[in-house]
């Protein structure tokens, strides 16, 4: 996946859903070179990128 990026939304409880999706991606070794997030999405994106 060379040119695919993630856009992660902000907004309280949506962050929990996002965390689950990112955990699934990590379990399946799916990594994206571009990650952008707002609010809770920025926090989840930083966690995802730090692996």
PDB file of N, CA and C in Angstrom:
ATOM      1  N   UNK A   1       0.851  -1.177   0.000  1.00  0.00           N
ATOM      2  CA  UNK A   1       0.000   0.000   0.000  1.00  0.00           C
ATOM      3  C   UNK A   1       0.890   1.230   0.000  1.00  0.00           C
ATOM      4  N   UNK A   2       1.266   1.657  -1.153  1.00  0.00           N
ATOM      5  CA  UNK A   2       2.227   2.749  -1.251  1.00  0.00           C
ATOM      6  C   UNK A   2       1.603   4.128  -1.160  1.00  0.00           C
ATOM      7  N   UNK A   3       0.470   4.344  -1.781  1.00  0.00           N
ATOM      8  CA  UNK A   3      -0.094   5.687  -1.853  1.00  0.00           C
ATOM      9  C   UNK A   3      -1.434   5.809  -1.154  1.00  0.00           C
ATOM     10  N   UNK A   4      -1.645   5.021  -0.129  1.00  0.00           N
ATOM     11  CA  UNK A   4      -2.905   5.070   0.605  1.00  0.00           C
ATOM     12  C   UNK A   4      -2.642   5.674   1.969  1.00  0.00           C
ATOM     13  N   UNK A   5      -3.497   6.599   2.371  1.00  0.00           N
ATOM     14  CA  UNK A   5      -3.353   7.217   3.679  1.00  0.00           C
ATOM     15  C   UNK A   5      -4.610   7.037   4.507  1.00  0.00           C
ATOM     16  N   UNK A   6      -4.467   7.245   5.803  1.00  0.00           N
ATOM     17  CA  UNK A   6      -5.600   7.183   6.720  1.00  0.00           C
ATOM     18  C   UNK A   6      -5.956   8.589   7.168  1.00  0.00           C
ATOM     19  N   UNK A   7      -7.235   8.874   7.227  1.00  0.00           N
ATOM     20  CA  UNK A   7      -7.741  10.110   7.811  1.00  0.00           C
ATOM     21  C   UNK A   7      -8.574   9.686   9.013  1.00  0.00           C
ATOM     22  N   UNK A   8      -8.129  10.070  10.201  1.00  0.00           N
ATOM     23  CA  UNK A   8      -8.763   9.630  11.444  1.00  0.00           C
ATOM     24  C   UNK A   8      -9.547  10.779  12.058  1.00  0.00           C
ATOM     25  N   UNK A   9     -10.823  10.526  12.319  1.00  0.00           N
ATOM     26  CA  UNK A   9     -11.709  11.557  12.824  1.00  0.00           C
ATOM     27  C   UNK A   9     -11.509  11.798  14.312  1.00  0.00           C
ATOM     28  N   UNK A  10     -11.954  12.936  14.751  1.00  0.00           N
ATOM     29  CA  UNK A  10     -11.979  13.246  16.178  1.00  0.00           C
ATOM     30  C   UNK A  10     -13.389  13.045  16.694  1.00  0.00           C
ATOM     31  N   UNK A  11     -13.548  13.197  17.979  1.00  0.00           N
ATOM     32  CA  UNK A  11     -14.897  13.142  18.530  1.00  0.00           C
ATOM     33  C   UNK A  11     -15.122  12.036  19.527  1.00  0.00           C
ATOM     34  N   UNK A  12     -14.626  12.209  20.719  1.00  0.00           N
ATOM     35  CA  UNK A  12     -14.941  11.361  21.865  1.00  0.00           C
ATOM     36  C   UNK A  12     -15.036   9.872  21.611  1.00  0.00           C
ATOM     37  N   UNK A  13     -16.253   9.364  21.626  1.00  0.00           N
ATOM     38  CA  UNK A  13     -16.489   7.920  21.550  1.00  0.00           C
ATOM     39  C   UNK A  13     -16.064   7.320  20.211  1.00  0.00           C
ATOM     40  N   UNK A  14     -16.017   8.120  19.161  1.00  0.00           N
ATOM     41  CA  UNK A  14     -15.543   7.605  17.874  1.00  0.00           C
ATOM     42  C   UNK A  14     -14.096   7.140  17.984  1.00  0.00           C
ATOM     43  N   UNK A  15     -13.357   7.733  18.909  1.00  0.00           N
ATOM     44  CA  UNK A  15     -11.965   7.343  19.117  1.00  0.00           C
ATOM     45  C   UNK A  15     -11.828   5.891  19.533  1.00  0.00           C
ATOM     46  N   UNK A  16     -12.799   5.377  20.270  1.00  0.00           N
ATOM     47  CA  UNK A  16     -12.756   3.968  20.674  1.00  0.00           C
ATOM     48  C   UNK A  16     -12.903   3.049  19.468  1.00  0.00           C
ATOM     49  N   UNK A  17     -13.787   3.414  18.562  1.00  0.00           N
ATOM     50  CA  UNK A  17     -13.947   2.640  17.329  1.00  0.00           C
ATOM     51  C   UNK A  17     -12.652   2.687  16.520  1.00  0.00           C
ATOM     52  N   UNK A  18     -12.093   3.879  16.397  1.00  0.00           N
ATOM     53  CA  UNK A  18     -10.854   4.052  15.645  1.00  0.00           C
ATOM     54  C   UNK A  18      -9.734   3.211  16.242  1.00  0.00           C
ATOM     55  N   UNK A  19      -9.651   3.166  17.561  1.00  0.00           N
ATOM     56  CA  UNK A  19      -8.616   2.366  18.224  1.00  0.00           C
ATOM     57  C   UNK A  19      -8.756   0.893  17.858  1.00  0.00           C
ATOM     58  N   UNK A  20      -9.972   0.400  17.810  1.00  0.00           N
ATOM     59  CA  UNK A  20     -10.203  -0.994  17.438  1.00  0.00           C
ATOM     60  C   UNK A  20      -9.812  -1.287  16.004  1.00  0.00           C
ATOM     61  N   UNK A  21     -10.132  -0.376  15.114  1.00  0.00           N
ATOM     62  CA  UNK A  21      -9.776  -0.551  13.700  1.00  0.00           C
ATOM     63  C   UNK A  21      -8.260  -0.549  13.536  1.00  0.00           C
ATOM     64  N   UNK A  22      -7.589   0.381  14.198  1.00  0.00           N
ATOM     65  CA  UNK A  22      -6.131   0.448  14.088  1.00  0.00           C
ATOM     66  C   UNK A  22      -5.468  -0.781  14.705  1.00  0.00           C
ATOM     67  N   UNK A  23      -6.033  -1.296  15.780  1.00  0.00           N
ATOM     68  CA  UNK A  23      -5.502  -2.525  16.381  1.00  0.00           C
ATOM     69  C   UNK A  23      -5.617  -3.687  15.394  1.00  0.00           C
ATOM     70  N   UNK A  24      -6.742  -3.768  14.693  1.00  0.00           N
ATOM     71  CA  UNK A  24      -6.926  -4.804  13.675  1.00  0.00           C
ATOM     72  C   UNK A  24      -5.879  -4.653  12.567  1.00  0.00           C
ATOM     73  N   UNK A  25      -5.675  -3.419  12.102  1.00  0.00           N
ATOM     74  CA  UNK A  25      -4.667  -3.181  11.065  1.00  0.00           C
ATOM     75  C   UNK A  25      -3.295  -3.668  11.526  1.00  0.00           C
ATOM     76  N   UNK A  26      -2.937  -3.378  12.780  1.00  0.00           N
ATOM     77  CA  UNK A  26      -1.631  -3.791  13.292  1.00  0.00           C
ATOM     78  C   UNK A  26      -1.529  -5.309  13.411  1.00  0.00           C
ATOM     79  N   UNK A  27      -2.611  -5.962  13.832  1.00  0.00           N
ATOM     80  CA  UNK A  27      -2.609  -7.427  13.928  1.00  0.00           C
ATOM     81  C   UNK A  27      -2.402  -8.076  12.569  1.00  0.00           C
ATOM     82  N   UNK A  28      -2.928  -7.448  11.524  1.00  0.00           N
ATOM     83  CA  UNK A  28      -2.819  -7.982  10.163  1.00  0.00           C
ATOM     84  C   UNK A  28      -1.614  -7.426   9.410  1.00  0.00           C
ATOM     85  N   UNK A  29      -0.747  -6.676  10.113  1.00  0.00           N
ATOM     86  CA  UNK A  29       0.444  -6.054   9.513  1.00  0.00           C
ATOM     87  C   UNK A  29       0.101  -5.148   8.339  1.00  0.00           C
ATOM     88  N   UNK A  30      -0.972  -4.396   8.474  1.00  0.00           N
ATOM     89  CA  UNK A  30      -1.359  -3.403   7.473  1.00  0.00           C
ATOM     90  C   UNK A  30      -0.895  -2.039   7.965  1.00  0.00           C
ATOM     91  N   UNK A  31       0.090  -1.484   7.287  1.00  0.00           N
ATOM     92  CA  UNK A  31       0.622  -0.190   7.688  1.00  0.00           C
ATOM     93  C   UNK A  31       0.522   0.783   6.527  1.00  0.00           C
ATOM     94  N   UNK A  32       0.195   2.013   6.837  1.00  0.00           N
ATOM     95  CA  UNK A  32      -0.037   3.049   5.845  1.00  0.00           C
ATOM     96  C   UNK A  32       1.016   4.138   6.007  1.00  0.00           C
ATOM     97  N   UNK A  33       1.561   4.633   4.897  1.00  0.00           N
ATOM     98  CA  UNK A  33       2.628   5.628   4.999  1.00  0.00           C
ATOM     99  C   UNK A  33       2.143   7.018   5.403  1.00  0.00           C
ATOM    100  N   UNK A  34       0.871   7.304   5.225  1.00  0.00           N
ATOM    101  CA  UNK A  34       0.338   8.633   5.525  1.00  0.00           C
ATOM    102  C   UNK A  34      -0.811   8.511   6.509  1.00  0.00           C
ATOM    103  N   UNK A  35      -0.717   9.241   7.606  1.00  0.00           N
ATOM    104  CA  UNK A  35      -1.774   9.233   8.614  1.00  0.00           C
ATOM    105  C   UNK A  35      -2.022  10.667   9.054  1.00  0.00           C
ATOM    106  N   UNK A  36      -3.291  11.085   8.983  1.00  0.00           N
ATOM    107  CA  UNK A  36      -3.700  12.421   9.417  1.00  0.00           C
ATOM    108  C   UNK A  36      -4.851  12.248  10.393  1.00  0.00           C
ATOM    109  N   UNK A  37      -4.813  12.986  11.494  1.00  0.00           N
ATOM    110  CA  UNK A  37      -5.895  12.877  12.465  1.00  0.00           C
ATOM    111  C   UNK A  37      -6.210  14.205  13.114  1.00  0.00           C
ATOM    112  N   UNK A  38      -7.416  14.302  13.626  1.00  0.00           N
ATOM    113  CA  UNK A  38      -7.878  15.490  14.337  1.00  0.00           C
ATOM    114  C   UNK A  38      -8.342  15.054  15.717  1.00  0.00           C
ATOM    115  N   UNK A  39      -7.950  15.789  16.743  1.00  0.00           N
ATOM    116  CA  UNK A  39      -8.379  15.546  18.117  1.00  0.00           C
ATOM    117  C   UNK A  39      -8.050  14.110  18.531  1.00  0.00           C
ATOM    118  N   UNK A  40      -9.053  13.317  18.876  1.00  0.00           N
ATOM    119  CA  UNK A  40      -8.803  11.929  19.295  1.00  0.00           C
ATOM    120  C   UNK A  40      -8.129  11.140  18.173  1.00  0.00           C
ATOM    121  N   UNK A  41      -8.460  11.451  16.934  1.00  0.00           N
ATOM    122  CA  UNK A  41      -7.839  10.777  15.796  1.00  0.00           C
ATOM    123  C   UNK A  41      -6.345  11.041  15.711  1.00  0.00           C
ATOM    124  N   UNK A  42      -5.916  12.237  16.106  1.00  0.00           N
ATOM    125  CA  UNK A  42      -4.483  12.550  16.126  1.00  0.00           C
ATOM    126  C   UNK A  42      -3.769  11.707  17.170  1.00  0.00           C
ATOM    127  N   UNK A  43      -4.394  11.535  18.321  1.00  0.00           N
ATOM    128  CA  UNK A  43      -3.809  10.693  19.379  1.00  0.00           C
ATOM    129  C   UNK A  43      -3.712   9.246  18.926  1.00  0.00           C
ATOM    130  N   UNK A  44      -4.774   8.745  18.314  1.00  0.00           N
ATOM    131  CA  UNK A  44      -4.770   7.360  17.840  1.00  0.00           C
ATOM    132  C   UNK A  44      -3.764   7.181  16.712  1.00  0.00           C
ATOM    133  N   UNK A  45      -3.669   8.175  15.836  1.00  0.00           N
ATOM    134  CA  UNK A  45      -2.708   8.109  14.738  1.00  0.00           C
ATOM    135  C   UNK A  45      -1.272   8.074  15.235  1.00  0.00           C
ATOM    136  N   UNK A  46      -0.972   8.870  16.255  1.00  0.00           N
ATOM    137  CA  UNK A  46       0.377   8.868  16.828  1.00  0.00           C
ATOM    138  C   UNK A  46       0.698   7.508  17.437  1.00  0.00           C
ATOM    139  N   UNK A  47      -0.270   6.918  18.106  1.00  0.00           N
ATOM    140  CA  UNK A  47      -0.077   5.593  18.699  1.00  0.00           C
ATOM    141  C   UNK A  47       0.151   4.550  17.612  1.00  0.00           C
ATOM    142  N   UNK A  48      -0.640   4.621  16.548  1.00  0.00           N
ATOM    143  CA  UNK A  48      -0.514   3.683  15.432  1.00  0.00           C
ATOM    144  C   UNK A  48       0.864   3.801  14.781  1.00  0.00           C
ATOM    145  N   UNK A  49       1.306   5.029  14.540  1.00  0.00           N
ATOM    146  CA  UNK A  49       2.593   5.231  13.882  1.00  0.00           C
ATOM    147  C   UNK A  49       3.770   4.805  14.752  1.00  0.00           C
ATOM    148  N   UNK A  50       3.618   4.883  16.063  1.00  0.00           N
ATOM    149  CA  UNK A  50       4.713   4.492  16.956  1.00  0.00           C
ATOM    150  C   UNK A  50       4.829   2.977  17.087  1.00  0.00           C
ATOM    151  N   UNK A  51       3.798   2.268  16.700  1.00  0.00           N
ATOM    152  CA  UNK A  51       3.718   0.805  16.748  1.00  0.00           C
ATOM    153  C   UNK A  51       4.247   0.274  18.047  1.00  0.00           C
TER     154      UNK A  51
END
